[in-house]
PDB file of all heavy atoms in Angstrom:
ATOM      1  N   VAL A   1      29.445   2.933 -27.909  1.00  0.00           N
ATOM      2  CA  VAL A   1      28.749   2.634 -29.157  1.00  0.00           C
ATOM      3  C   VAL A   1      29.179   3.547 -30.235  1.00  0.00           C
ATOM      4  O   VAL A   1      29.147   4.782 -30.104  1.00  0.00           O
ATOM      5  CB  VAL A   1      27.237   2.627 -28.971  1.00  0.00           C
ATOM      6  CG1 VAL A   1      26.527   2.299 -30.335  1.00  0.00           C
ATOM      7  CG2 VAL A   1      26.763   1.699 -27.894  1.00  0.00           C
ATOM      8  N   GLN A   2      29.655   2.975 -31.326  1.00  0.00           N
ATOM      9  CA  GLN A   2      30.005   3.781 -32.514  1.00  0.00           C
ATOM     10  C   GLN A   2      28.870   3.728 -33.560  1.00  0.00           C
ATOM     11  O   GLN A   2      28.349   2.663 -33.813  1.00  0.00           O
ATOM     12  CB  GLN A   2      31.299   3.240 -33.131  1.00  0.00           C
ATOM     13  CG  GLN A   2      32.499   3.344 -32.231  1.00  0.00           C
ATOM     14  CD  GLN A   2      33.780   2.752 -32.763  1.00  0.00           C
ATOM     15  OE1 GLN A   2      33.694   1.680 -33.398  1.00  0.00           O
ATOM     16  NE2 GLN A   2      34.845   3.472 -32.701  1.00  0.00           N
ATOM     17  N   LEU A   3      28.547   4.918 -34.038  1.00  0.00           N
ATOM     18  CA  LEU A   3      27.432   5.039 -34.933  1.00  0.00           C
ATOM     19  C   LEU A   3      27.858   5.820 -36.219  1.00  0.00           C
ATOM     20  O   LEU A   3      28.546   6.877 -36.045  1.00  0.00           O
ATOM     21  CB  LEU A   3      26.237   5.788 -34.254  1.00  0.00           C
ATOM     22  CG  LEU A   3      25.754   5.213 -32.966  1.00  0.00           C
ATOM     23  CD1 LEU A   3      24.745   6.140 -32.293  1.00  0.00           C
ATOM     24  CD2 LEU A   3      25.069   3.835 -33.224  1.00  0.00           C
ATOM     25  N   VAL A   4      27.467   5.383 -37.333  1.00  0.00           N
ATOM     26  CA  VAL A   4      27.742   6.001 -38.605  1.00  0.00           C
ATOM     27  C   VAL A   4      26.531   6.113 -39.421  1.00  0.00           C
ATOM     28  O   VAL A   4      25.940   5.064 -39.806  1.00  0.00           O
ATOM     29  CB  VAL A   4      28.873   5.226 -39.393  1.00  0.00           C
ATOM     30  CG1 VAL A   4      29.185   5.919 -40.696  1.00  0.00           C
ATOM     31  CG2 VAL A   4      30.098   5.105 -38.511  1.00  0.00           C
ATOM     32  N   GLU A   5      26.126   7.351 -39.749  1.00  0.00           N
ATOM     33  CA  GLU A   5      24.942   7.585 -40.615  1.00  0.00           C
ATOM     34  C   GLU A   5      25.338   7.627 -42.072  1.00  0.00           C
ATOM     35  O   GLU A   5      26.440   7.998 -42.401  1.00  0.00           O
ATOM     36  CB  GLU A   5      24.241   8.899 -40.230  1.00  0.00           C
ATOM     37  CG  GLU A   5      23.816   9.033 -38.766  1.00  0.00           C
ATOM     38  CD  GLU A   5      24.805   9.831 -37.964  1.00  0.00           C
ATOM     39  OE1 GLU A   5      26.050   9.850 -38.335  1.00  0.00           O
ATOM     40  OE2 GLU A   5      24.447  10.433 -36.978  1.00  0.00           O
ATOM     41  N   SER A   6      24.354   7.276 -42.894  1.00  0.00           N
ATOM     42  CA  SER A   6      24.520   7.415 -44.338  1.00  0.00           C
ATOM     43  C   SER A   6      23.131   7.530 -44.984  1.00  0.00           C
ATOM     44  O   SER A   6      22.131   7.253 -44.320  1.00  0.00           O
ATOM     45  CB  SER A   6      25.318   6.240 -44.915  1.00  0.00           C
ATOM     46  OG  SER A   6      24.610   5.014 -44.709  1.00  0.00           O
ATOM     47  N   GLY A   7      23.118   7.891 -46.219  1.00  0.00           N
ATOM     48  CA  GLY A   7      21.859   7.928 -46.985  1.00  0.00           C
ATOM     49  C   GLY A   7      21.194   9.280 -47.212  1.00  0.00           C
ATOM     50  O   GLY A   7      20.212   9.354 -47.883  1.00  0.00           O
ATOM     51  N   GLY A   8      21.838  10.329 -46.698  1.00  0.00           N
ATOM     52  CA  GLY A   8      21.307  11.636 -46.919  1.00  0.00           C
ATOM     53  C   GLY A   8      21.510  12.074 -48.385  1.00  0.00           C
ATOM     54  O   GLY A   8      22.226  11.429 -49.134  1.00  0.00           O
ATOM     55  N   GLY A   9      20.873  13.199 -48.727  1.00  0.00           N
ATOM     56  CA  GLY A   9      21.013  13.674 -50.072  1.00  0.00           C
ATOM     57  C   GLY A   9      20.034  14.827 -50.372  1.00  0.00           C
ATOM     58  O   GLY A   9      19.388  15.354 -49.428  1.00  0.00           O
ATOM     59  N   LEU A  10      19.941  15.176 -51.586  1.00  0.00           N
ATOM     60  CA  LEU A  10      19.005  16.199 -52.105  1.00  0.00           C
ATOM     61  C   LEU A  10      17.847  15.610 -52.803  1.00  0.00           C
ATOM     62  O   LEU A  10      18.020  14.799 -53.751  1.00  0.00           O
ATOM     63  CB  LEU A  10      19.771  17.119 -53.017  1.00  0.00           C
ATOM     64  CG  LEU A  10      19.001  18.258 -53.732  1.00  0.00           C
ATOM     65  CD1 LEU A  10      18.399  19.199 -52.693  1.00  0.00           C
ATOM     66  CD2 LEU A  10      19.828  18.991 -54.738  1.00  0.00           C
ATOM     67  N   VAL A  11      16.626  15.960 -52.367  1.00  0.00           N
ATOM     68  CA  VAL A  11      15.443  15.425 -52.983  1.00  0.00           C
ATOM     69  C   VAL A  11      14.421  16.580 -53.127  1.00  0.00           C
ATOM     70  O   VAL A  11      14.492  17.559 -52.388  1.00  0.00           O
ATOM     71  CB  VAL A  11      14.788  14.262 -52.206  1.00  0.00           C
ATOM     72  CG1 VAL A  11      15.749  13.056 -52.136  1.00  0.00           C
ATOM     73  CG2 VAL A  11      14.428  14.715 -50.802  1.00  0.00           C
ATOM     74  N   GLN A  12      13.492  16.370 -54.047  1.00  0.00           N
ATOM     75  CA  GLN A  12      12.406  17.310 -54.163  1.00  0.00           C
ATOM     76  C   GLN A  12      11.297  17.030 -53.152  1.00  0.00           C
ATOM     77  O   GLN A  12      11.159  15.960 -52.650  1.00  0.00           O
ATOM     78  CB  GLN A  12      11.776  17.241 -55.609  1.00  0.00           C
ATOM     79  CG  GLN A  12      12.720  17.692 -56.705  1.00  0.00           C
ATOM     80  CD  GLN A  12      12.024  17.787 -58.033  1.00  0.00           C
ATOM     81  OE1 GLN A  12      10.775  17.805 -58.140  1.00  0.00           O
ATOM     82  NE2 GLN A  12      12.848  17.750 -59.106  1.00  0.00           N
ATOM     83  N   ALA A  13      10.524  18.068 -52.816  1.00  0.00           N
ATOM     84  CA  ALA A  13       9.419  17.898 -51.959  1.00  0.00           C
ATOM     85  C   ALA A  13       8.482  16.772 -52.446  1.00  0.00           C
ATOM     86  O   ALA A  13       8.235  16.697 -53.636  1.00  0.00           O
ATOM     87  CB  ALA A  13       8.628  19.191 -51.795  1.00  0.00           C
ATOM     88  N   GLY A  14       8.058  15.937 -51.533  1.00  0.00           N
ATOM     89  CA  GLY A  14       7.257  14.777 -51.856  1.00  0.00           C
ATOM     90  C   GLY A  14       8.053  13.499 -52.122  1.00  0.00           C
ATOM     91  O   GLY A  14       7.480  12.409 -52.201  1.00  0.00           O
ATOM     92  N   GLY A  15       9.383  13.639 -52.227  1.00  0.00           N
ATOM     93  CA  GLY A  15      10.186  12.504 -52.451  1.00  0.00           C
ATOM     94  C   GLY A  15      10.571  11.717 -51.167  1.00  0.00           C
ATOM     95  O   GLY A  15      10.042  12.044 -50.080  1.00  0.00           O
ATOM     96  N   SER A  16      11.422  10.740 -51.321  1.00  0.00           N
ATOM     97  CA  SER A  16      11.733   9.842 -50.210  1.00  0.00           C
ATOM     98  C   SER A  16      13.242   9.637 -50.103  1.00  0.00           C
ATOM     99  O   SER A  16      14.006   9.703 -51.083  1.00  0.00           O
ATOM    100  CB  SER A  16      11.086   8.465 -50.378  1.00  0.00           C
ATOM    101  OG  SER A  16       9.699   8.576 -50.415  1.00  0.00           O
ATOM    102  N   LEU A  17      13.699   9.350 -48.905  1.00  0.00           N
ATOM    103  CA  LEU A  17      15.069   8.997 -48.569  1.00  0.00           C
ATOM    104  C   LEU A  17      15.027   7.911 -47.498  1.00  0.00           C
ATOM    105  O   LEU A  17      14.127   7.968 -46.628  1.00  0.00           O
ATOM    106  CB  LEU A  17      15.945  10.153 -48.140  1.00  0.00           C
ATOM    107  CG  LEU A  17      16.405  11.141 -49.200  1.00  0.00           C
ATOM    108  CD1 LEU A  17      17.076  12.285 -48.501  1.00  0.00           C
ATOM    109  CD2 LEU A  17      17.392  10.481 -50.196  1.00  0.00           C
ATOM    110  N   ARG A  18      16.016   7.054 -47.480  1.00  0.00           N
ATOM    111  CA  ARG A  18      16.197   6.151 -46.352  1.00  0.00           C
ATOM    112  C   ARG A  18      17.579   6.332 -45.760  1.00  0.00           C
ATOM    113  O   ARG A  18      18.586   6.118 -46.434  1.00  0.00           O
ATOM    114  CB  ARG A  18      16.030   4.692 -46.800  1.00  0.00           C
ATOM    115  CG  ARG A  18      15.995   3.736 -45.559  1.00  0.00           C
ATOM    116  CD  ARG A  18      15.863   2.263 -45.981  1.00  0.00           C
ATOM    117  NE  ARG A  18      17.076   1.723 -46.553  1.00  0.00           N
ATOM    118  CZ  ARG A  18      17.309   0.434 -46.689  1.00  0.00           C
ATOM    119  NH1 ARG A  18      16.391  -0.460 -46.240  1.00  0.00           N
ATOM    120  NH2 ARG A  18      18.434   0.006 -47.225  1.00  0.00           N
ATOM    121  N   LEU A  19      17.583   6.767 -44.506  1.00  0.00           N
ATOM    122  CA  LEU A  19      18.803   6.941 -43.766  1.00  0.00           C
ATOM    123  C   LEU A  19      19.177   5.625 -43.054  1.00  0.00           C
ATOM    124  O   LEU A  19      18.294   4.922 -42.589  1.00  0.00           O
ATOM    125  CB  LEU A  19      18.693   8.068 -42.787  1.00  0.00           C
ATOM    126  CG  LEU A  19      18.224   9.402 -43.305  1.00  0.00           C
ATOM    127  CD1 LEU A  19      18.232  10.417 -42.161  1.00  0.00           C
ATOM    128  CD2 LEU A  19      19.083   9.853 -44.497  1.00  0.00           C
ATOM    129  N   SER A  20      20.455   5.394 -42.985  1.00  0.00           N
ATOM    130  CA  SER A  20      20.988   4.200 -42.294  1.00  0.00           C
ATOM    131  C   SER A  20      21.893   4.601 -41.191  1.00  0.00           C
ATOM    132  O   SER A  20      22.645   5.605 -41.306  1.00  0.00           O
ATOM    133  CB  SER A  20      21.677   3.209 -43.205  1.00  0.00           C
ATOM    134  OG  SER A  20      20.828   2.766 -44.265  1.00  0.00           O
ATOM    135  N   CYS A  21      21.940   3.839 -40.114  1.00  0.00           N
ATOM    136  CA  CYS A  21      22.842   4.096 -38.986  1.00  0.00           C
ATOM    137  C   CYS A  21      23.465   2.740 -38.598  1.00  0.00           C
ATOM    138  O   CYS A  21      22.796   1.901 -38.047  1.00  0.00           O
ATOM    139  CB  CYS A  21      22.085   4.682 -37.820  1.00  0.00           C
ATOM    140  SG  CYS A  21      23.077   4.911 -36.321  1.00  0.00           S
ATOM    141  N   ALA A  22      24.707   2.573 -38.959  1.00  0.00           N
ATOM    142  CA  ALA A  22      25.406   1.309 -38.621  1.00  0.00           C
ATOM    143  C   ALA A  22      25.975   1.436 -37.246  1.00  0.00           C
ATOM    144  O   ALA A  22      26.704   2.450 -36.915  1.00  0.00           O
ATOM    145  CB  ALA A  22      26.523   1.083 -39.641  1.00  0.00           C
ATOM    146  N   ALA A  23      25.729   0.443 -36.400  1.00  0.00           N
ATOM    147  CA  ALA A  23      26.155   0.477 -34.989  1.00  0.00           C
ATOM    148  C   ALA A  23      27.178  -0.628 -34.697  1.00  0.00           C
ATOM    149  O   ALA A  23      27.090  -1.691 -35.215  1.00  0.00           O
ATOM    150  CB  ALA A  23      24.929   0.307 -34.054  1.00  0.00           C
ATOM    151  N   SER A  24      28.092  -0.271 -33.826  1.00  0.00           N
ATOM    152  CA  SER A  24      29.035  -1.266 -33.355  1.00  0.00           C
ATOM    153  C   SER A  24      29.531  -0.880 -31.988  1.00  0.00           C
ATOM    154  O   SER A  24      29.383   0.328 -31.598  1.00  0.00           O
ATOM    155  CB  SER A  24      30.256  -1.376 -34.312  1.00  0.00           C
ATOM    156  OG  SER A  24      30.951  -0.142 -34.396  1.00  0.00           O
ATOM    157  N   GLY A  25      30.041  -1.821 -31.231  1.00  0.00           N
ATOM    158  CA  GLY A  25      30.490  -1.477 -29.887  1.00  0.00           C
ATOM    159  C   GLY A  25      29.944  -2.479 -28.868  1.00  0.00           C
ATOM    160  O   GLY A  25      29.688  -3.636 -29.186  1.00  0.00           O
ATOM    161  N   HIS A  26      29.732  -1.976 -27.680  1.00  0.00           N
ATOM    162  CA  HIS A  26      29.354  -2.796 -26.569  1.00  0.00           C
ATOM    163  C   HIS A  26      27.952  -2.526 -26.052  1.00  0.00           C
ATOM    164  O   HIS A  26      27.556  -1.381 -25.838  1.00  0.00           O
ATOM    165  CB  HIS A  26      30.336  -2.640 -25.397  1.00  0.00           C
ATOM    166  CG  HIS A  26      31.729  -2.847 -25.778  1.00  0.00           C
ATOM    167  ND1 HIS A  26      32.275  -4.142 -25.971  1.00  0.00           N
ATOM    168  CD2 HIS A  26      32.807  -1.962 -25.997  1.00  0.00           C
ATOM    169  CE1 HIS A  26      33.542  -4.021 -26.282  1.00  0.00           C
ATOM    170  NE2 HIS A  26      33.868  -2.728 -26.309  1.00  0.00           N
ATOM    171  N   THR A  27      27.179  -3.555 -25.943  1.00  0.00           N
ATOM    172  CA  THR A  27      25.883  -3.602 -25.302  1.00  0.00           C
ATOM    173  C   THR A  27      24.854  -2.680 -25.902  1.00  0.00           C
ATOM    174  O   THR A  27      23.861  -2.279 -25.254  1.00  0.00           O
ATOM    175  CB  THR A  27      25.990  -3.272 -23.782  1.00  0.00           C
ATOM    176  OG1 THR A  27      26.430  -1.940 -23.558  1.00  0.00           O
ATOM    177  CG2 THR A  27      26.926  -4.277 -23.139  1.00  0.00           C
ATOM    178  N   PHE A  28      25.036  -2.269 -27.170  1.00  0.00           N
ATOM    179  CA  PHE A  28      24.085  -1.366 -27.765  1.00  0.00           C
ATOM    180  C   PHE A  28      22.739  -1.994 -27.972  1.00  0.00           C
ATOM    181  O   PHE A  28      21.733  -1.297 -28.114  1.00  0.00           O
ATOM    182  CB  PHE A  28      24.625  -0.808 -29.107  1.00  0.00           C
ATOM    183  CG  PHE A  28      24.939  -1.871 -30.133  1.00  0.00           C
ATOM    184  CD1 PHE A  28      23.935  -2.298 -30.966  1.00  0.00           C
ATOM    185  CD2 PHE A  28      26.179  -2.343 -30.280  1.00  0.00           C
ATOM    186  CE1 PHE A  28      24.182  -3.272 -31.921  1.00  0.00           C
ATOM    187  CE2 PHE A  28      26.455  -3.301 -31.263  1.00  0.00           C
ATOM    188  CZ  PHE A  28      25.444  -3.736 -32.079  1.00  0.00           C
ATOM    189  N   SER A  29      22.652  -3.312 -28.000  1.00  0.00           N
ATOM    190  CA  SER A  29      21.391  -3.982 -28.239  1.00  0.00           C
ATOM    191  C   SER A  29      20.387  -3.684 -27.137  1.00  0.00           C
ATOM    192  O   SER A  29      19.204  -3.899 -27.320  1.00  0.00           O
ATOM    193  CB  SER A  29      21.593  -5.473 -28.355  1.00  0.00           C
ATOM    194  OG  SER A  29      22.193  -6.064 -27.207  1.00  0.00           O
ATOM    195  N   SER A  30      20.831  -3.268 -25.989  1.00  0.00           N
ATOM    196  CA  SER A  30      19.927  -2.964 -24.868  1.00  0.00           C
ATOM    197  C   SER A  30      19.557  -1.437 -24.791  1.00  0.00           C
ATOM    198  O   SER A  30      18.815  -1.091 -23.912  1.00  0.00           O
ATOM    199  CB  SER A  30      20.556  -3.390 -23.551  1.00  0.00           C
ATOM    200  OG  SER A  30      21.738  -2.691 -23.287  1.00  0.00           O
ATOM    201  N   TYR A  31      20.092  -0.692 -25.713  1.00  0.00           N
ATOM    202  CA  TYR A  31      19.871   0.758 -25.702  1.00  0.00           C
ATOM    203  C   TYR A  31      18.587   1.181 -26.375  1.00  0.00           C
ATOM    204  O   TYR A  31      18.032   0.428 -27.236  1.00  0.00           O
ATOM    205  CB  TYR A  31      21.046   1.490 -26.421  1.00  0.00           C
ATOM    206  CG  TYR A  31      22.404   1.418 -25.720  1.00  0.00           C
ATOM    207  CD1 TYR A  31      23.485   2.002 -26.269  1.00  0.00           C
ATOM    208  CD2 TYR A  31      22.530   0.809 -24.438  1.00  0.00           C
ATOM    209  CE1 TYR A  31      24.710   1.953 -25.667  1.00  0.00           C
ATOM    210  CE2 TYR A  31      23.732   0.749 -23.782  1.00  0.00           C
ATOM    211  CZ  TYR A  31      24.825   1.357 -24.383  1.00  0.00           C
ATOM    212  OH  TYR A  31      26.065   1.314 -23.782  1.00  0.00           O
ATOM    213  N   THR A  32      18.130   2.368 -26.033  1.00  0.00           N
ATOM    214  CA  THR A  32      17.205   3.035 -26.878  1.00  0.00           C
ATOM    215  C   THR A  32      17.968   3.751 -28.014  1.00  0.00           C
ATOM    216  O   THR A  32      19.005   4.378 -27.790  1.00  0.00           O
ATOM    217  CB  THR A  32      16.437   4.079 -26.075  1.00  0.00           C
ATOM    218  OG1 THR A  32      15.590   3.387 -25.162  1.00  0.00           O
ATOM    219  CG2 THR A  32      15.563   4.918 -26.963  1.00  0.00           C
ATOM    220  N   MET A  33      17.468   3.587 -29.238  1.00  0.00           N
ATOM    221  CA  MET A  33      18.082   4.227 -30.393  1.00  0.00           C
ATOM    222  C   MET A  33      17.193   5.377 -30.862  1.00  0.00           C
ATOM    223  O   MET A  33      15.952   5.324 -30.702  1.00  0.00           O
ATOM    224  CB  MET A  33      18.254   3.243 -31.544  1.00  0.00           C
ATOM    225  CG  MET A  33      18.973   1.966 -31.176  1.00  0.00           C
ATOM    226  SD  MET A  33      20.784   2.305 -30.802  1.00  0.00           S
ATOM    227  CE  MET A  33      21.325   2.821 -32.422  1.00  0.00           C
ATOM    228  N   GLY A  34      17.801   6.385 -31.424  1.00  0.00           N
ATOM    229  CA  GLY A  34      17.018   7.522 -31.873  1.00  0.00           C
ATOM    230  C   GLY A  34      17.589   8.242 -33.064  1.00  0.00           C
ATOM    231  O   GLY A  34      18.762   8.102 -33.387  1.00  0.00           O
ATOM    232  N   TRP A  35      16.698   8.979 -33.757  1.00  0.00           N
ATOM    233  CA  TRP A  35      17.097   9.838 -34.855  1.00  0.00           C
ATOM    234  C   TRP A  35      16.773  11.312 -34.396  1.00  0.00           C
ATOM    235  O   TRP A  35      15.677  11.557 -33.862  1.00  0.00           O
ATOM    236  CB  TRP A  35      16.377   9.550 -36.169  1.00  0.00           C
ATOM    237  CG  TRP A  35      16.903   8.389 -36.831  1.00  0.00           C
ATOM    238  CD1 TRP A  35      16.345   7.104 -36.835  1.00  0.00           C
ATOM    239  CD2 TRP A  35      18.036   8.316 -37.713  1.00  0.00           C
ATOM    240  NE1 TRP A  35      17.083   6.262 -37.637  1.00  0.00           N
ATOM    241  CE2 TRP A  35      18.137   6.977 -38.167  1.00  0.00           C
ATOM    242  CE3 TRP A  35      18.936   9.259 -38.135  1.00  0.00           C
ATOM    243  CZ2 TRP A  35      19.100   6.541 -39.026  1.00  0.00           C
ATOM    244  CZ3 TRP A  35      19.965   8.831 -39.015  1.00  0.00           C
ATOM    245  CH2 TRP A  35      20.037   7.496 -39.430  1.00  0.00           C
ATOM    246  N   PHE A  36      17.701  12.234 -34.631  1.00  0.00           N
ATOM    247  CA  PHE A  36      17.536  13.640 -34.345  1.00  0.00           C
ATOM    248  C   PHE A  36      17.949  14.396 -35.550  1.00  0.00           C
ATOM    249  O   PHE A  36      18.593  13.909 -36.435  1.00  0.00           O
ATOM    250  CB  PHE A  36      18.372  14.037 -33.133  1.00  0.00           C
ATOM    251  CG  PHE A  36      18.048  13.323 -31.889  1.00  0.00           C
ATOM    252  CD1 PHE A  36      18.465  12.031 -31.614  1.00  0.00           C
ATOM    253  CD2 PHE A  36      17.300  13.955 -30.896  1.00  0.00           C
ATOM    254  CE1 PHE A  36      18.138  11.367 -30.465  1.00  0.00           C
ATOM    255  CE2 PHE A  36      16.941  13.317 -29.694  1.00  0.00           C
ATOM    256  CZ  PHE A  36      17.420  12.010 -29.484  1.00  0.00           C
ATOM    257  N   ARG A  37      17.503  15.667 -35.617  1.00  0.00           N
ATOM    258  CA  ARG A  37      17.912  16.526 -36.739  1.00  0.00           C
ATOM    259  C   ARG A  37      18.161  17.918 -36.257  1.00  0.00           C
ATOM    260  O   ARG A  37      17.642  18.378 -35.267  1.00  0.00           O
ATOM    261  CB  ARG A  37      16.821  16.534 -37.820  1.00  0.00           C
ATOM    262  CG  ARG A  37      15.496  17.101 -37.426  1.00  0.00           C
ATOM    263  CD  ARG A  37      14.480  16.877 -38.535  1.00  0.00           C
ATOM    264  NE  ARG A  37      13.163  17.485 -38.160  1.00  0.00           N
ATOM    265  CZ  ARG A  37      12.081  17.301 -38.885  1.00  0.00           C
ATOM    266  NH1 ARG A  37      12.120  16.552 -39.990  1.00  0.00           N
ATOM    267  NH2 ARG A  37      10.947  17.860 -38.505  1.00  0.00           N
ATOM    268  N   GLN A  38      19.008  18.652 -37.024  1.00  0.00           N
ATOM    269  CA  GLN A  38      19.369  19.978 -36.683  1.00  0.00           C
ATOM    270  C   GLN A  38      19.421  20.806 -37.964  1.00  0.00           C
ATOM    271  O   GLN A  38      20.264  20.576 -38.825  1.00  0.00           O
ATOM    272  CB  GLN A  38      20.680  20.050 -35.927  1.00  0.00           C
ATOM    273  CG  GLN A  38      21.068  21.425 -35.469  1.00  0.00           C
ATOM    274  CD  GLN A  38      22.156  21.384 -34.428  1.00  0.00           C
ATOM    275  OE1 GLN A  38      22.939  20.445 -34.386  1.00  0.00           O
ATOM    276  NE2 GLN A  38      22.319  22.426 -33.660  1.00  0.00           N
ATOM    277  N   ALA A  39      18.504  21.759 -38.129  1.00  0.00           N
ATOM    278  CA  ALA A  39      18.468  22.694 -39.220  1.00  0.00           C
ATOM    279  C   ALA A  39      19.416  23.871 -38.950  1.00  0.00           C
ATOM    280  O   ALA A  39      19.674  24.158 -37.801  1.00  0.00           O
ATOM    281  CB  ALA A  39      17.012  23.152 -39.437  1.00  0.00           C
ATOM    282  N   PRO A  40      19.825  24.525 -39.981  1.00  0.00           N
ATOM    283  CA  PRO A  40      20.718  25.664 -39.809  1.00  0.00           C
ATOM    284  C   PRO A  40      20.130  26.720 -38.844  1.00  0.00           C
ATOM    285  O   PRO A  40      18.964  27.120 -39.020  1.00  0.00           O
ATOM    286  CB  PRO A  40      20.873  26.241 -41.191  1.00  0.00           C
ATOM    287  CG  PRO A  40      20.653  25.102 -42.074  1.00  0.00           C
ATOM    288  CD  PRO A  40      19.615  24.244 -41.430  1.00  0.00           C
ATOM    289  N   GLY A  41      20.890  27.103 -37.843  1.00  0.00           N
ATOM    290  CA  GLY A  41      20.481  28.122 -36.937  1.00  0.00           C
ATOM    291  C   GLY A  41      19.451  27.630 -35.899  1.00  0.00           C
ATOM    292  O   GLY A  41      18.960  28.496 -35.110  1.00  0.00           O
ATOM    293  N   LYS A  42      19.172  26.381 -35.808  1.00  0.00           N
ATOM    294  CA  LYS A  42      18.214  25.841 -34.894  1.00  0.00           C
ATOM    295  C   LYS A  42      18.838  24.844 -33.969  1.00  0.00           C
ATOM    296  O   LYS A  42      19.927  24.288 -34.183  1.00  0.00           O
ATOM    297  CB  LYS A  42      17.016  25.192 -35.626  1.00  0.00           C
ATOM    298  CG  LYS A  42      16.205  26.183 -36.484  1.00  0.00           C
ATOM    299  CD  LYS A  42      14.995  25.530 -37.107  1.00  0.00           C
ATOM    300  CE  LYS A  42      14.199  26.527 -37.927  1.00  0.00           C
ATOM    301  NZ  LYS A  42      13.022  25.867 -38.533  1.00  0.00           N
ATOM    302  N   GLN A  43      18.135  24.496 -32.864  1.00  0.00           N
ATOM    303  CA  GLN A  43      18.577  23.496 -31.937  1.00  0.00           C
ATOM    304  C   GLN A  43      18.300  22.133 -32.514  1.00  0.00           C
ATOM    305  O   GLN A  43      17.453  21.898 -33.366  1.00  0.00           O
ATOM    306  CB  GLN A  43      17.800  23.668 -30.649  1.00  0.00           C
ATOM    307  CG  GLN A  43      18.000  24.963 -29.905  1.00  0.00           C
ATOM    308  CD  GLN A  43      19.431  25.163 -29.394  1.00  0.00           C
ATOM    309  OE1 GLN A  43      20.032  24.146 -28.888  1.00  0.00           O
ATOM    310  NE2 GLN A  43      20.003  26.299 -29.576  1.00  0.00           N
ATOM    311  N   ARG A  44      19.100  21.176 -32.045  1.00  0.00           N
ATOM    312  CA  ARG A  44      18.906  19.802 -32.416  1.00  0.00           C
ATOM    313  C   ARG A  44      17.569  19.319 -31.819  1.00  0.00           C
ATOM    314  O   ARG A  44      17.301  19.561 -30.645  1.00  0.00           O
ATOM    315  CB  ARG A  44      20.057  18.914 -31.933  1.00  0.00           C
ATOM    316  CG  ARG A  44      20.016  17.519 -32.490  1.00  0.00           C
ATOM    317  CD  ARG A  44      21.384  16.827 -32.220  1.00  0.00           C
ATOM    318  NE  ARG A  44      22.487  17.549 -32.832  1.00  0.00           N
ATOM    319  CZ  ARG A  44      23.781  17.099 -32.797  1.00  0.00           C
ATOM    320  NH1 ARG A  44      24.040  15.964 -32.212  1.00  0.00           N
ATOM    321  NH2 ARG A  44      24.735  17.806 -33.341  1.00  0.00           N
ATOM    322  N   GLU A  45      16.780  18.648 -32.662  1.00  0.00           N
ATOM    323  CA  GLU A  45      15.434  18.191 -32.202  1.00  0.00           C
ATOM    324  C   GLU A  45      15.244  16.734 -32.391  1.00  0.00           C
ATOM    325  O   GLU A  45      15.754  16.067 -33.286  1.00  0.00           O
ATOM    326  CB  GLU A  45      14.356  18.996 -32.884  1.00  0.00           C
ATOM    327  CG  GLU A  45      14.271  18.706 -34.370  1.00  0.00           C
ATOM    328  CD  GLU A  45      13.049  19.433 -35.043  1.00  0.00           C
ATOM    329  OE1 GLU A  45      12.282  20.090 -34.292  1.00  0.00           O
ATOM    330  OE2 GLU A  45      12.913  19.328 -36.256  1.00  0.00           O
ATOM    331  N   PHE A  46      14.421  16.144 -31.583  1.00  0.00           N
ATOM    332  CA  PHE A  46      14.014  14.728 -31.599  1.00  0.00           C
ATOM    333  C   PHE A  46      13.166  14.460 -32.870  1.00  0.00           C
ATOM    334  O   PHE A  46      12.289  15.244 -33.225  1.00  0.00           O
ATOM    335  CB  PHE A  46      13.256  14.415 -30.357  1.00  0.00           C
ATOM    336  CG  PHE A  46      12.386  13.199 -30.447  1.00  0.00           C
ATOM    337  CD1 PHE A  46      12.968  11.940 -30.498  1.00  0.00           C
ATOM    338  CD2 PHE A  46      11.025  13.290 -30.505  1.00  0.00           C
ATOM    339  CE1 PHE A  46      12.174  10.796 -30.559  1.00  0.00           C
ATOM    340  CE2 PHE A  46      10.229  12.209 -30.613  1.00  0.00           C
ATOM    341  CZ  PHE A  46      10.785  10.948 -30.649  1.00  0.00           C
ATOM    342  N   VAL A  47      13.414  13.329 -33.466  1.00  0.00           N
ATOM    343  CA  VAL A  47      12.625  12.887 -34.565  1.00  0.00           C
ATOM    344  C   VAL A  47      11.902  11.596 -34.244  1.00  0.00           C
ATOM    345  O   VAL A  47      10.701  11.511 -34.374  1.00  0.00           O
ATOM    346  CB  VAL A  47      13.469  12.640 -35.832  1.00  0.00           C
ATOM    347  CG1 VAL A  47      12.643  12.119 -36.999  1.00  0.00           C
ATOM    348  CG2 VAL A  47      14.161  13.981 -36.271  1.00  0.00           C
ATOM    349  N   ALA A  48      12.653  10.571 -33.820  1.00  0.00           N
ATOM    350  CA  ALA A  48      12.014   9.273 -33.555  1.00  0.00           C
ATOM    351  C   ALA A  48      12.914   8.441 -32.670  1.00  0.00           C
ATOM    352  O   ALA A  48      14.166   8.605 -32.667  1.00  0.00           O
ATOM    353  CB  ALA A  48      11.716   8.520 -34.861  1.00  0.00           C
TER     354      ALA A  48
END
């Protein structure tokens, strides 16, 4: 499965962003999909 994220940026506290993840490949429709994040100096963590 190939995944490409987009939609990030700089916002002020209280603001909003919508991230997108375009998927292509084989049998991804049967997968669990997830979002993770990694802050500087920290481990990658689960989001949703």
